[in-house]
């Protein structure tokens, strides 16, 4: 599960957020992307703001 929005503007603080495109830029060179989409079972306050992914190491 990944957050699909920036959480802070300071990369020294956690938790980190990002975007689907940003995550794919990091993962695609090293992994086959089986699925990477919005979570369908997020809690209501996070609906549309979380991503679910399944990756296989290349």
Foldseek 3Di string as FASTA:
>chain_A
DAFADADDPDPVDDDGHHHPVVVCVVPVVFWDWPDKAFDPDDDVVCHPGDIDTDIHGD
